[in-house]
Amino acid sequence: MVYAPDTVTLFRYSAITYNGHRIHYDDPYTKTEEGYPGLVVNGGLTALMLCEIAKRNLPGGKIGRLSVRNVRPFFVNRQGMVCCSRNADGTLAVWAQDEKGRPIAQGEAASDPGAAS
């Protein structure tokens, strides 16, 4: 699934999570003071997208467990992907990758034990 958060999505997510760090809304600061090429997408937003793809691929759309580790910054207005694959034990491997195919976040999801198979 394509993952390409824009400035509006980033601003809204930062607002509802009370995250006022300037790297998420102040482009000149982000570039000159932090040295990033653009606004940094909040890692929680990436985790939320991994949660959504897991829900679409687990029985009954119910998540019993989700773990996510952010491994690389991702920048607004770039096109990445959120992906998943089923492991042999029925859990899902979930990951997000940037426009160059490098990992942004990695994790695992498991279904709700009460969900129908």
PDB file of N, CA and C in Angstrom:
ATOM      1  N   MET A   1       0.852  -1.168   0.000  1.00  0.00           N
ATOM      2  CA  MET A   1       0.000   0.000   0.000  1.00  0.00           C
ATOM      3  C   MET A   1       0.905   1.240   0.000  1.00  0.00           C
ATOM      4  N   VAL A   2       0.585   2.190  -0.858  1.00  0.00           N
ATOM      5  CA  VAL A   2       1.373   3.417  -0.953  1.00  0.00           C
ATOM      6  C   VAL A   2       1.252   4.208   0.348  1.00  0.00           C
ATOM      7  N   TYR A   3       2.353   4.755   0.784  1.00  0.00           N
ATOM      8  CA  TYR A   3       2.414   5.581   1.991  1.00  0.00           C
ATOM      9  C   TYR A   3       3.101   6.885   1.622  1.00  0.00           C
ATOM     10  N   ALA A   4       2.322   7.962   1.556  1.00  0.00           N
ATOM     11  CA  ALA A   4       2.856   9.260   1.127  1.00  0.00           C
ATOM     12  C   ALA A   4       2.203  10.383   1.929  1.00  0.00           C
ATOM     13  N   PRO A   5       2.540  10.503   3.215  1.00  0.00           N
ATOM     14  CA  PRO A   5       1.925  11.557   4.028  1.00  0.00           C
ATOM     15  C   PRO A   5       2.311  12.952   3.542  1.00  0.00           C
ATOM     16  N   ASP A   6       1.323  13.835   3.534  1.00  0.00           N
ATOM     17  CA  ASP A   6       1.570  15.220   3.134  1.00  0.00           C
ATOM     18  C   ASP A   6       1.621  16.112   4.377  1.00  0.00           C
ATOM     19  N   THR A   7       1.846  17.396   4.171  1.00  0.00           N
ATOM     20  CA  THR A   7       2.002  18.318   5.302  1.00  0.00           C
ATOM     21  C   THR A   7       0.728  18.435   6.130  1.00  0.00           C
ATOM     22  N   VAL A   8      -0.433  18.361   5.487  1.00  0.00           N
ATOM     23  CA  VAL A   8      -1.697  18.465   6.225  1.00  0.00           C
ATOM     24  C   VAL A   8      -1.877  17.259   7.142  1.00  0.00           C
ATOM     25  N   THR A   9      -1.640  16.065   6.613  1.00  0.00           N
ATOM     26  CA  THR A   9      -1.754  14.847   7.422  1.00  0.00           C
ATOM     27  C   THR A   9      -0.783  14.893   8.592  1.00  0.00           C
ATOM     28  N   LEU A  10       0.443  15.295   8.318  1.00  0.00           N
ATOM     29  CA  LEU A  10       1.453  15.382   9.373  1.00  0.00           C
ATOM     30  C   LEU A  10       1.047  16.394  10.439  1.00  0.00           C
ATOM     31  N   PHE A  11       0.561  17.552  10.011  1.00  0.00           N
ATOM     32  CA  PHE A  11       0.131  18.576  10.962  1.00  0.00           C
ATOM     33  C   PHE A  11      -1.022  18.065  11.828  1.00  0.00           C
ATOM     34  N   ARG A  12      -1.998  17.446  11.206  1.00  0.00           N
ATOM     35  CA  ARG A  12      -3.163  16.943  11.955  1.00  0.00           C
ATOM     36  C   ARG A  12      -2.760  15.856  12.946  1.00  0.00           C
ATOM     37  N   TYR A  13      -1.915  14.933  12.516  1.00  0.00           N
ATOM     38  CA  TYR A  13      -1.480  13.874  13.424  1.00  0.00           C
ATOM     39  C   TYR A  13      -0.709  14.472  14.597  1.00  0.00           C
ATOM     40  N   SER A  14       0.176  15.400  14.317  1.00  0.00           N
ATOM     41  CA  SER A  14       0.941  16.037  15.392  1.00  0.00           C
ATOM     42  C   SER A  14       0.020  16.778  16.355  1.00  0.00           C
ATOM     43  N   ALA A  15      -1.024  17.403  15.817  1.00  0.00           N
ATOM     44  CA  ALA A  15      -1.959  18.144  16.667  1.00  0.00           C
ATOM     45  C   ALA A  15      -2.740  17.209  17.589  1.00  0.00           C
ATOM     46  N   ILE A  16      -3.266  16.113  17.052  1.00  0.00           N
ATOM     47  CA  ILE A  16      -4.085  15.229  17.905  1.00  0.00           C
ATOM     48  C   ILE A  16      -3.254  14.453  18.912  1.00  0.00           C
ATOM     49  N   THR A  17      -1.951  14.339  18.658  1.00  0.00           N
ATOM     50  CA  THR A  17      -1.081  13.645  19.617  1.00  0.00           C
ATOM     51  C   THR A  17      -0.303  14.629  20.489  1.00  0.00           C
ATOM     52  N   TYR A  18      -0.612  15.918  20.350  1.00  0.00           N
ATOM     53  CA  TYR A  18       0.057  16.977  21.119  1.00  0.00           C
ATOM     54  C   TYR A  18       1.568  16.957  20.945  1.00  0.00           C
ATOM     55  N   ASN A  19       2.019  16.631  19.733  1.00  0.00           N
ATOM     56  CA  ASN A  19       3.447  16.611  19.450  1.00  0.00           C
ATOM     57  C   ASN A  19       3.821  17.924  18.787  1.00  0.00           C
ATOM     58  N   GLY A  20       4.449  18.806  19.529  1.00  0.00           N
ATOM     59  CA  GLY A  20       4.813  20.117  19.024  1.00  0.00           C
ATOM     60  C   GLY A  20       6.255  20.244  18.582  1.00  0.00           C
ATOM     61  N   HIS A  21       6.937  19.123  18.342  1.00  0.00           N
ATOM     62  CA  HIS A  21       8.333  19.223  17.925  1.00  0.00           C
ATOM     63  C   HIS A  21       8.419  19.886  16.558  1.00  0.00           C
ATOM     64  N   ARG A  22       9.307  20.821  16.425  1.00  0.00           N
ATOM     65  CA  ARG A  22       9.403  21.636  15.211  1.00  0.00           C
ATOM     66  C   ARG A  22       9.757  20.842  13.959  1.00  0.00           C
ATOM     67  N   ILE A  23      10.387  19.678  14.100  1.00  0.00           N
ATOM     68  CA  ILE A  23      10.744  18.896  12.915  1.00  0.00           C
ATOM     69  C   ILE A  23       9.513  18.398  12.162  1.00  0.00           C
ATOM     70  N   HIS A  24       8.331  18.490  12.797  1.00  0.00           N
ATOM     71  CA  HIS A  24       7.102  18.033  12.157  1.00  0.00           C
ATOM     72  C   HIS A  24       6.304  19.157  11.508  1.00  0.00           C
ATOM     73  N   TYR A  25       6.696  20.434  11.712  1.00  0.00           N
ATOM     74  CA  TYR A  25       5.909  21.519  11.116  1.00  0.00           C
ATOM     75  C   TYR A  25       6.729  22.711  10.615  1.00  0.00           C
ATOM     76  N   ASP A  26       7.965  22.859  11.032  1.00  0.00           N
ATOM     77  CA  ASP A  26       8.762  24.044  10.678  1.00  0.00           C
ATOM     78  C   ASP A  26       9.863  23.640   9.698  1.00  0.00           C
ATOM     79  N   ASP A  27       9.551  23.736   8.404  1.00  0.00           N
ATOM     80  CA  ASP A  27      10.473  23.275   7.369  1.00  0.00           C
ATOM     81  C   ASP A  27      11.834  23.980   7.417  1.00  0.00           C
ATOM     82  N   PRO A  28      11.895  25.314   7.498  1.00  0.00           N
ATOM     83  CA  PRO A  28      13.220  25.959   7.565  1.00  0.00           C
ATOM     84  C   PRO A  28      14.048  25.491   8.766  1.00  0.00           C
ATOM     85  N   TYR A  29      13.419  25.368   9.931  1.00  0.00           N
ATOM     86  CA  TYR A  29      14.125  24.877  11.121  1.00  0.00           C
ATOM     87  C   TYR A  29      14.636  23.456  10.883  1.00  0.00           C
ATOM     88  N   THR A  30      13.764  22.614  10.344  1.00  0.00           N
ATOM     89  CA  THR A  30      14.114  21.211  10.128  1.00  0.00           C
ATOM     90  C   THR A  30      15.341  21.088   9.231  1.00  0.00           C
ATOM     91  N   LYS A  31      15.390  21.930   8.200  1.00  0.00           N
ATOM     92  CA  LYS A  31      16.512  21.860   7.254  1.00  0.00           C
ATOM     93  C   LYS A  31      17.780  22.512   7.802  1.00  0.00           C
ATOM     94  N   THR A  32      17.658  23.710   8.380  1.00  0.00           N
ATOM     95  CA  THR A  32      18.864  24.436   8.800  1.00  0.00           C
ATOM     96  C   THR A  32      19.403  23.998  10.157  1.00  0.00           C
ATOM     97  N   GLU A  33      18.525  23.748  11.106  1.00  0.00           N
ATOM     98  CA  GLU A  33      18.977  23.394  12.462  1.00  0.00           C
ATOM     99  C   GLU A  33      19.186  21.895  12.659  1.00  0.00           C
ATOM    100  N   GLU A  34      18.317  21.079  12.058  1.00  0.00           N
ATOM    101  CA  GLU A  34      18.407  19.628  12.268  1.00  0.00           C
ATOM    102  C   GLU A  34      19.120  18.908  11.127  1.00  0.00           C
ATOM    103  N   GLY A  35      19.233  19.574   9.971  1.00  0.00           N
ATOM    104  CA  GLY A  35      19.949  18.983   8.851  1.00  0.00           C
ATOM    105  C   GLY A  35      19.174  17.949   8.054  1.00  0.00           C
ATOM    106  N   TYR A  36      17.868  17.893   8.235  1.00  0.00           N
ATOM    107  CA  TYR A  36      17.047  16.963   7.465  1.00  0.00           C
ATOM    108  C   TYR A  36      16.650  17.595   6.139  1.00  0.00           C
ATOM    109  N   PRO A  37      16.322  16.788   5.135  1.00  0.00           N
ATOM    110  CA  PRO A  37      15.940  17.343   3.832  1.00  0.00           C
ATOM    111  C   PRO A  37      14.512  17.890   3.778  1.00  0.00           C
ATOM    112  N   GLY A  38      13.728  17.648   4.809  1.00  0.00           N
ATOM    113  CA  GLY A  38      12.348  18.123   4.842  1.00  0.00           C
ATOM    114  C   GLY A  38      11.706  17.761   6.162  1.00  0.00           C
ATOM    115  N   LEU A  39      10.411  18.060   6.283  1.00  0.00           N
ATOM    116  CA  LEU A  39       9.684  17.737   7.510  1.00  0.00           C
ATOM    117  C   LEU A  39       9.723  16.241   7.777  1.00  0.00           C
ATOM    118  N   VAL A  40       9.917  15.881   9.036  1.00  0.00           N
ATOM    119  CA  VAL A  40      10.026  14.483   9.431  1.00  0.00           C
ATOM    120  C   VAL A  40       8.636  13.960   9.796  1.00  0.00           C
ATOM    121  N   VAL A  41       8.261  12.837   9.187  1.00  0.00           N
ATOM    122  CA  VAL A  41       6.990  12.196   9.496  1.00  0.00           C
ATOM    123  C   VAL A  41       7.094  11.579  10.883  1.00  0.00           C
ATOM    124  N   ASN A  42       6.096  11.828  11.701  1.00  0.00           N
ATOM    125  CA  ASN A  42       6.048  11.287  13.053  1.00  0.00           C
ATOM    126  C   ASN A  42       6.035   9.751  12.985  1.00  0.00           C
ATOM    127  N   GLY A  43       6.895   9.114  13.758  1.00  0.00           N
ATOM    128  CA  GLY A  43       6.959   7.654  13.774  1.00  0.00           C
ATOM    129  C   GLY A  43       5.658   7.008  14.182  1.00  0.00           C
ATOM    130  N   GLY A  44       4.887   7.691  15.015  1.00  0.00           N
ATOM    131  CA  GLY A  44       3.582   7.159  15.409  1.00  0.00           C
ATOM    132  C   GLY A  44       2.614   7.076  14.251  1.00  0.00           C
ATOM    133  N   LEU A  45       2.721   7.994  13.311  1.00  0.00           N
ATOM    134  CA  LEU A  45       1.866   7.958  12.124  1.00  0.00           C
ATOM    135  C   LEU A  45       2.207   6.739  11.277  1.00  0.00           C
ATOM    136  N   THR A  46       3.480   6.442  11.147  1.00  0.00           N
ATOM    137  CA  THR A  46       3.895   5.239  10.415  1.00  0.00           C
ATOM    138  C   THR A  46       3.387   3.995  11.132  1.00  0.00           C
ATOM    139  N   ALA A  47       3.502   3.950  12.454  1.00  0.00           N
ATOM    140  CA  ALA A  47       3.003   2.807  13.224  1.00  0.00           C
ATOM    141  C   ALA A  47       1.495   2.652  13.037  1.00  0.00           C
ATOM    142  N   LEU A  48       0.767   3.761  12.996  1.00  0.00           N
ATOM    143  CA  LEU A  48      -0.676   3.714  12.762  1.00  0.00           C
ATOM    144  C   LEU A  48      -0.983   3.095  11.401  1.00  0.00           C
ATOM    145  N   MET A  49      -0.217   3.451  10.390  1.00  0.00           N
ATOM    146  CA  MET A  49      -0.437   2.874   9.063  1.00  0.00           C
ATOM    147  C   MET A  49      -0.125   1.378   9.050  1.00  0.00           C
ATOM    148  N   LEU A  50       0.883   0.955   9.812  1.00  0.00           N
ATOM    149  CA  LEU A  50       1.171  -0.478   9.928  1.00  0.00           C
ATOM    150  C   LEU A  50       0.047  -1.199  10.647  1.00  0.00           C
ATOM    151  N   CYS A  51      -0.539  -0.552  11.623  1.00  0.00           N
ATOM    152  CA  CYS A  51      -1.697  -1.109  12.319  1.00  0.00           C
ATOM    153  C   CYS A  51      -2.858  -1.304  11.335  1.00  0.00           C
ATOM    154  N   GLU A  52      -3.082  -0.318  10.486  1.00  0.00           N
ATOM    155  CA  GLU A  52      -4.175  -0.400   9.521  1.00  0.00           C
ATOM    156  C   GLU A  52      -3.973  -1.538   8.522  1.00  0.00           C
ATOM    157  N   ILE A  53      -2.756  -1.708   8.018  1.00  0.00           N
ATOM    158  CA  ILE A  53      -2.540  -2.794   7.064  1.00  0.00           C
ATOM    159  C   ILE A  53      -2.655  -4.149   7.763  1.00  0.00           C
ATOM    160  N   ALA A  54      -2.253  -4.215   9.032  1.00  0.00           N
ATOM    161  CA  ALA A  54      -2.401  -5.463   9.783  1.00  0.00           C
ATOM    162  C   ALA A  54      -3.879  -5.797   9.966  1.00  0.00           C
ATOM    163  N   LYS A  55      -4.696  -4.803  10.322  1.00  0.00           N
ATOM    164  CA  LYS A  55      -6.136  -5.042  10.497  1.00  0.00           C
ATOM    165  C   LYS A  55      -6.768  -5.599   9.235  1.00  0.00           C
ATOM    166  N   ARG A  56      -6.320  -5.130   8.086  1.00  0.00           N
ATOM    167  CA  ARG A  56      -6.867  -5.603   6.811  1.00  0.00           C
ATOM    168  C   ARG A  56      -6.484  -7.040   6.500  1.00  0.00           C
ATOM    169  N   ASN A  57      -5.456  -7.546   7.179  1.00  0.00           N
ATOM    170  CA  ASN A  57      -4.933  -8.864   6.841  1.00  0.00           C
ATOM    171  C   ASN A  57      -5.017  -9.885   7.969  1.00  0.00           C
ATOM    172  N   LEU A  58      -5.624  -9.523   9.083  1.00  0.00           N
ATOM    173  CA  LEU A  58      -5.799 -10.457  10.189  1.00  0.00           C
ATOM    174  C   LEU A  58      -7.256 -10.916  10.247  1.00  0.00           C
ATOM    175  N   PRO A  59      -7.498 -12.123  10.728  1.00  0.00           N
ATOM    176  CA  PRO A  59      -8.868 -12.638  10.800  1.00  0.00           C
ATOM    177  C   PRO A  59      -9.790 -11.696  11.570  1.00  0.00           C
ATOM    178  N   GLY A  60     -10.888 -11.358  10.954  1.00  0.00           N
ATOM    179  CA  GLY A  60     -11.871 -10.487  11.590  1.00  0.00           C
ATOM    180  C   GLY A  60     -11.402  -9.052  11.756  1.00  0.00           C
ATOM    181  N   GLY A  61     -10.241  -8.723  11.225  1.00  0.00           N
ATOM    182  CA  GLY A  61      -9.718  -7.366  11.346  1.00  0.00           C
ATOM    183  C   GLY A  61      -9.383  -6.977  12.769  1.00  0.00           C
ATOM    184  N   LYS A  62      -9.145  -7.967  13.611  1.00  0.00           N
ATOM    185  CA  LYS A  62      -8.875  -7.707  15.031  1.00  0.00           C
ATOM    186  C   LYS A  62      -7.416  -7.961  15.366  1.00  0.00           C
ATOM    187  N   ILE A  63      -6.803  -6.957  15.984  1.00  0.00           N
ATOM    188  CA  ILE A  63      -5.402  -7.067  16.394  1.00  0.00           C
ATOM    189  C   ILE A  63      -5.341  -7.368  17.887  1.00  0.00           C
ATOM    190  N   GLY A  64      -4.622  -8.410  18.226  1.00  0.00           N
ATOM    191  CA  GLY A  64      -4.404  -8.734  19.626  1.00  0.00           C
ATOM    192  C   GLY A  64      -3.077  -8.189  20.127  1.00  0.00           C
ATOM    193  N   ARG A  65      -2.125  -8.071  19.205  1.00  0.00           N
ATOM    194  CA  ARG A  65      -0.791  -7.596  19.569  1.00  0.00           C
ATOM    195  C   ARG A  65      -0.146  -6.940  18.351  1.00  0.00           C
ATOM    196  N   LEU A  66       0.502  -5.811  18.596  1.00  0.00           N
ATOM    197  CA  LEU A  66       1.254  -5.122  17.546  1.00  0.00           C
ATOM    198  C   LEU A  66       2.519  -4.565  18.166  1.00  0.00           C
ATOM    199  N   SER A  67       3.650  -4.849  17.549  1.00  0.00           N
ATOM    200  CA  SER A  67       4.903  -4.227  17.979  1.00  0.00           C
ATOM    201  C   SER A  67       5.534  -3.585  16.756  1.00  0.00           C
ATOM    202  N   VAL A  68       6.040  -2.365  16.939  1.00  0.00           N
ATOM    203  CA  VAL A  68       6.652  -1.620  15.838  1.00  0.00           C
ATOM    204  C   VAL A  68       7.917  -0.940  16.355  1.00  0.00           C
ATOM    205  N   ARG A  69       8.943  -0.984  15.540  1.00  0.00           N
ATOM    206  CA  ARG A  69      10.187  -0.278  15.846  1.00  0.00           C
ATOM    207  C   ARG A  69      10.528   0.599  14.647  1.00  0.00           C
ATOM    208  N   ASN A  70      10.624   1.900  14.884  1.00  0.00           N
ATOM    209  CA  ASN A  70      11.019   2.828  13.834  1.00  0.00           C
ATOM    210  C   ASN A  70      12.533   2.775  13.683  1.00  0.00           C
ATOM    211  N   VAL A  71      13.005   2.670  12.436  1.00  0.00           N
ATOM    212  CA  VAL A  71      14.436   2.474  12.206  1.00  0.00           C
ATOM    213  C   VAL A  71      15.103   3.553  11.351  1.00  0.00           C
ATOM    214  N   ARG A  72      14.308   4.396  10.682  1.00  0.00           N
ATOM    215  CA  ARG A  72      14.883   5.436   9.823  1.00  0.00           C
ATOM    216  C   ARG A  72      13.856   6.548   9.678  1.00  0.00           C
ATOM    217  N   PRO A  73      14.306   7.796   9.628  1.00  0.00           N
ATOM    218  CA  PRO A  73      13.336   8.874   9.419  1.00  0.00           C
ATOM    219  C   PRO A  73      12.745   8.820   8.005  1.00  0.00           C
ATOM    220  N   PHE A  74      11.520   9.288   7.911  1.00  0.00           N
ATOM    221  CA  PHE A  74      10.825   9.391   6.629  1.00  0.00           C
ATOM    222  C   PHE A  74      10.348  10.829   6.506  1.00  0.00           C
ATOM    223  N   PHE A  75      10.288  11.326   5.299  1.00  0.00           N
ATOM    224  CA  PHE A  75      10.035  12.745   5.095  1.00  0.00           C
ATOM    225  C   PHE A  75       8.749  12.981   4.320  1.00  0.00           C
ATOM    226  N   VAL A  76       8.095  14.065   4.666  1.00  0.00           N
ATOM    227  CA  VAL A  76       6.816  14.419   4.080  1.00  0.00           C
ATOM    228  C   VAL A  76       6.945  14.584   2.559  1.00  0.00           C
ATOM    229  N   ASN A  77       5.853  14.294   1.876  1.00  0.00           N
ATOM    230  CA  ASN A  77       5.750  14.412   0.413  1.00  0.00           C
ATOM    231  C   ASN A  77       6.671  13.463  -0.347  1.00  0.00           C
ATOM    232  N   ARG A  78       7.042  12.385   0.279  1.00  0.00           N
ATOM    233  CA  ARG A  78       7.772  11.317  -0.410  1.00  0.00           C
ATOM    234  C   ARG A  78       6.862  10.096  -0.453  1.00  0.00           C
ATOM    235  N   GLN A  79       7.092   9.230  -1.414  1.00  0.00           N
ATOM    236  CA  GLN A  79       6.215   8.076  -1.570  1.00  0.00           C
ATOM    237  C   GLN A  79       6.919   6.796  -1.151  1.00  0.00           C
ATOM    238  N   GLY A  80       6.454   6.227  -0.048  1.00  0.00           N
ATOM    239  CA  GLY A  80       6.961   4.955   0.427  1.00  0.00           C
ATOM    240  C   GLY A  80       5.868   3.906   0.318  1.00  0.00           C
ATOM    241  N   MET A  81       6.054   2.833   1.052  1.00  0.00           N
ATOM    242  CA  MET A  81       5.082   1.735   1.053  1.00  0.00           C
ATOM    243  C   MET A  81       4.930   1.196   2.470  1.00  0.00           C
ATOM    244  N   VAL A  82       3.733   0.725   2.798  1.00  0.00           N
ATOM    245  CA  VAL A  82       3.531  -0.099   3.984  1.00  0.00           C
ATOM    246  C   VAL A  82       3.157  -1.486   3.473  1.00  0.00           C
ATOM    247  N   CYS A  83       3.756  -2.498   4.083  1.00  0.00           N
ATOM    248  CA  CYS A  83       3.657  -3.851   3.557  1.00  0.00           C
ATOM    249  C   CYS A  83       3.437  -4.848   4.686  1.00  0.00           C
ATOM    250  N   CYS A  84       2.962  -6.020   4.315  1.00  0.00           N
ATOM    251  CA  CYS A  84       2.882  -7.104   5.296  1.00  0.00           C
ATOM    252  C   CYS A  84       2.983  -8.444   4.591  1.00  0.00           C
ATOM    253  N   SER A  85       3.395  -9.433   5.337  1.00  0.00           N
ATOM    254  CA  SER A  85       3.406 -10.812   4.858  1.00  0.00           C
ATOM    255  C   SER A  85       3.102 -11.716   6.040  1.00  0.00           C
ATOM    256  N   ARG A  86       2.486 -12.840   5.738  1.00  0.00           N
ATOM    257  CA  ARG A  86       2.102 -13.775   6.795  1.00  0.00           C
ATOM    258  C   ARG A  86       3.274 -14.698   7.116  1.00  0.00           C
ATOM    259  N   ASN A  87       3.572 -14.804   8.397  1.00  0.00           N
ATOM    260  CA  ASN A  87       4.593 -15.730   8.876  1.00  0.00           C
ATOM    261  C   ASN A  87       3.993 -17.128   9.001  1.00  0.00           C
ATOM    262  N   ALA A  88       4.841 -18.137   9.090  1.00  0.00           N
ATOM    263  CA  ALA A  88       4.390 -19.526   9.193  1.00  0.00           C
ATOM    264  C   ALA A  88       3.494 -19.754  10.406  1.00  0.00           C
ATOM    265  N   ASP A  89       3.693 -18.995  11.480  1.00  0.00           N
ATOM    266  CA  ASP A  89       2.894 -19.180  12.701  1.00  0.00           C
ATOM    267  C   ASP A  89       1.576 -18.390  12.676  1.00  0.00           C
ATOM    268  N   GLY A  90       1.264 -17.734  11.554  1.00  0.00           N
ATOM    269  CA  GLY A  90       0.011 -16.985  11.437  1.00  0.00           C
ATOM    270  C   GLY A  90       0.112 -15.522  11.807  1.00  0.00           C
ATOM    271  N   THR A  91       1.224 -15.114  12.413  1.00  0.00           N
ATOM    272  CA  THR A  91       1.409 -13.694  12.698  1.00  0.00           C
ATOM    273  C   THR A  91       1.754 -12.979  11.390  1.00  0.00           C
ATOM    274  N   LEU A  92       1.729 -11.669  11.434  1.00  0.00           N
ATOM    275  CA  LEU A  92       2.104 -10.885  10.263  1.00  0.00           C
ATOM    276  C   LEU A  92       3.405 -10.151  10.516  1.00  0.00           C
ATOM    277  N   ALA A  93       4.282 -10.185   9.548  1.00  0.00           N
ATOM    278  CA  ALA A  93       5.423  -9.275   9.540  1.00  0.00           C
ATOM    279  C   ALA A  93       4.909  -8.012   8.864  1.00  0.00           C
ATOM    280  N   VAL A  94       5.105  -6.859   9.498  1.00  0.00           N
ATOM    281  CA  VAL A  94       4.678  -5.581   8.916  1.00  0.00           C
ATOM    282  C   VAL A  94       5.898  -4.679   8.825  1.00  0.00           C
ATOM    283  N   TRP A  95       5.959  -3.887   7.759  1.00  0.00           N
ATOM    284  CA  TRP A  95       7.077  -2.972   7.611  1.00  0.00           C
ATOM    285  C   TRP A  95       6.669  -1.824   6.705  1.00  0.00           C
ATOM    286  N   ALA A  96       7.401  -0.734   6.868  1.00  0.00           N
ATOM    287  CA  ALA A  96       7.249   0.425   5.991  1.00  0.00           C
ATOM    288  C   ALA A  96       8.603   0.681   5.378  1.00  0.00           C
ATOM    289  N   GLN A  97       8.576   1.134   4.137  1.00  0.00           N
ATOM    290  CA  GLN A  97       9.834   1.435   3.456  1.00  0.00           C
ATOM    291  C   GLN A  97       9.736   2.779   2.761  1.00  0.00           C
ATOM    292  N   ASP A  98      10.895   3.414   2.605  1.00  0.00           N
ATOM    293  CA  ASP A  98      10.925   4.727   1.962  1.00  0.00           C
ATOM    294  C   ASP A  98      10.936   4.584   0.445  1.00  0.00           C
ATOM    295  N   GLU A  99      11.077   5.691  -0.241  1.00  0.00           N
ATOM    296  CA  GLU A  99      11.026   5.712  -1.701  1.00  0.00           C
ATOM    297  C   GLU A  99      12.175   4.945  -2.356  1.00  0.00           C
ATOM    298  N   LYS A 100      13.210   4.625  -1.589  1.00  0.00           N
ATOM    299  CA  LYS A 100      14.340   3.849  -2.108  1.00  0.00           C
ATOM    300  C   LYS A 100      14.279   2.391  -1.674  1.00  0.00           C
ATOM    301  N   GLY A 101      13.197   2.004  -1.002  1.00  0.00           N
ATOM    302  CA  GLY A 101      13.035   0.629  -0.549  1.00  0.00           C
ATOM    303  C   GLY A 101      13.714   0.322   0.771  1.00  0.00           C
ATOM    304  N   ARG A 102      14.248   1.355   1.432  1.00  0.00           N
ATOM    305  CA  ARG A 102      14.911   1.150   2.730  1.00  0.00           C
ATOM    306  C   ARG A 102      13.865   1.109   3.836  1.00  0.00           C
ATOM    307  N   PRO A 103      14.097   0.313   4.870  1.00  0.00           N
ATOM    308  CA  PRO A 103      13.105   0.219   5.949  1.00  0.00           C
ATOM    309  C   PRO A 103      12.976   1.525   6.741  1.00  0.00           C
ATOM    310  N   ILE A 104      11.731   1.892   7.022  1.00  0.00           N
ATOM    311  CA  ILE A 104      11.403   3.019   7.900  1.00  0.00           C
ATOM    312  C   ILE A 104      11.030   2.472   9.274  1.00  0.00           C
ATOM    313  N   ALA A 105      10.216   1.412   9.246  1.00  0.00           N
ATOM    314  CA  ALA A 105       9.737   0.779  10.479  1.00  0.00           C
ATOM    315  C   ALA A 105       9.533  -0.705  10.209  1.00  0.00           C
ATOM    316  N   GLN A 106       9.673  -1.501  11.277  1.00  0.00           N
ATOM    317  CA  GLN A 106       9.495  -2.945  11.178  1.00  0.00           C
ATOM    318  C   GLN A 106       8.692  -3.399  12.377  1.00  0.00           C
ATOM    319  N   GLY A 107       7.890  -4.429  12.178  1.00  0.00           N
ATOM    320  CA  GLY A 107       7.123  -4.913  13.312  1.00  0.00           C
ATOM    321  C   GLY A 107       6.459  -6.247  13.052  1.00  0.00           C
ATOM    322  N   GLU A 108       5.599  -6.588  14.002  1.00  0.00           N
ATOM    323  CA  GLU A 108       4.854  -7.838  13.935  1.00  0.00           C
ATOM    324  C   GLU A 108       3.476  -7.626  14.516  1.00  0.00           C
ATOM    325  N   ALA A 109       2.488  -8.264  13.933  1.00  0.00           N
ATOM    326  CA  ALA A 109       1.113  -8.177  14.415  1.00  0.00           C
ATOM    327  C   ALA A 109       0.547  -9.583  14.561  1.00  0.00           C
ATOM    328  N   ALA A 110      -0.308  -9.748  15.553  1.00  0.00           N
ATOM    329  CA  ALA A 110      -0.983 -11.020  15.769  1.00  0.00           C
ATOM    330  C   ALA A 110      -2.456 -10.755  15.986  1.00  0.00           C
ATOM    331  N   SER A 111      -3.284 -11.732  15.609  1.00  0.00           N
ATOM    332  CA  SER A 111      -4.721 -11.540  15.715  1.00  0.00           C
ATOM    333  C   SER A 111      -5.206 -11.637  17.151  1.00  0.00           C
ATOM    334  N   ASP A 112      -6.387 -11.100  17.331  1.00  0.00           N
ATOM    335  CA  ASP A 112      -7.092 -11.201  18.602  1.00  0.00           C
ATOM    336  C   ASP A 112      -7.430 -12.677  18.808  1.00  0.00           C
ATOM    337  N   PRO A 113      -7.051 -13.266  19.932  1.00  0.00           N
ATOM    338  CA  PRO A 113      -7.331 -14.695  20.140  1.00  0.00           C
ATOM    339  C   PRO A 113      -8.827 -15.046  20.013  1.00  0.00           C
ATOM    340  N   GLY A 114      -9.693 -14.063  20.217  1.00  0.00           N
ATOM    341  CA  GLY A 114     -11.129 -14.313  20.108  1.00  0.00           C
ATOM    342  C   GLY A 114     -11.696 -14.123  18.715  1.00  0.00           C
ATOM    343  N   ALA A 115     -10.857 -13.710  17.766  1.00  0.00           N
ATOM    344  CA  ALA A 115     -11.335 -13.467  16.395  1.00  0.00           C
ATOM    345  C   ALA A 115     -11.556 -14.775  15.665  1.00  0.00           C
ATOM    346  N   ALA A 116     -12.552 -14.810  14.822  1.00  0.00           N
ATOM    347  CA  ALA A 116     -12.825 -15.988  14.016  1.00  0.00           C
ATOM    348  C   ALA A 116     -11.737 -16.133  12.956  1.00  0.00           C
ATOM    349  N   SER A 117     -11.360 -17.376  12.661  1.00  0.00           N
ATOM    350  CA  SER A 117     -10.303 -17.614  11.668  1.00  0.00           C
ATOM    351  C   SER A 117     -10.832 -17.668  10.284  1.00  0.00           C
TER     352      SER A 117
END
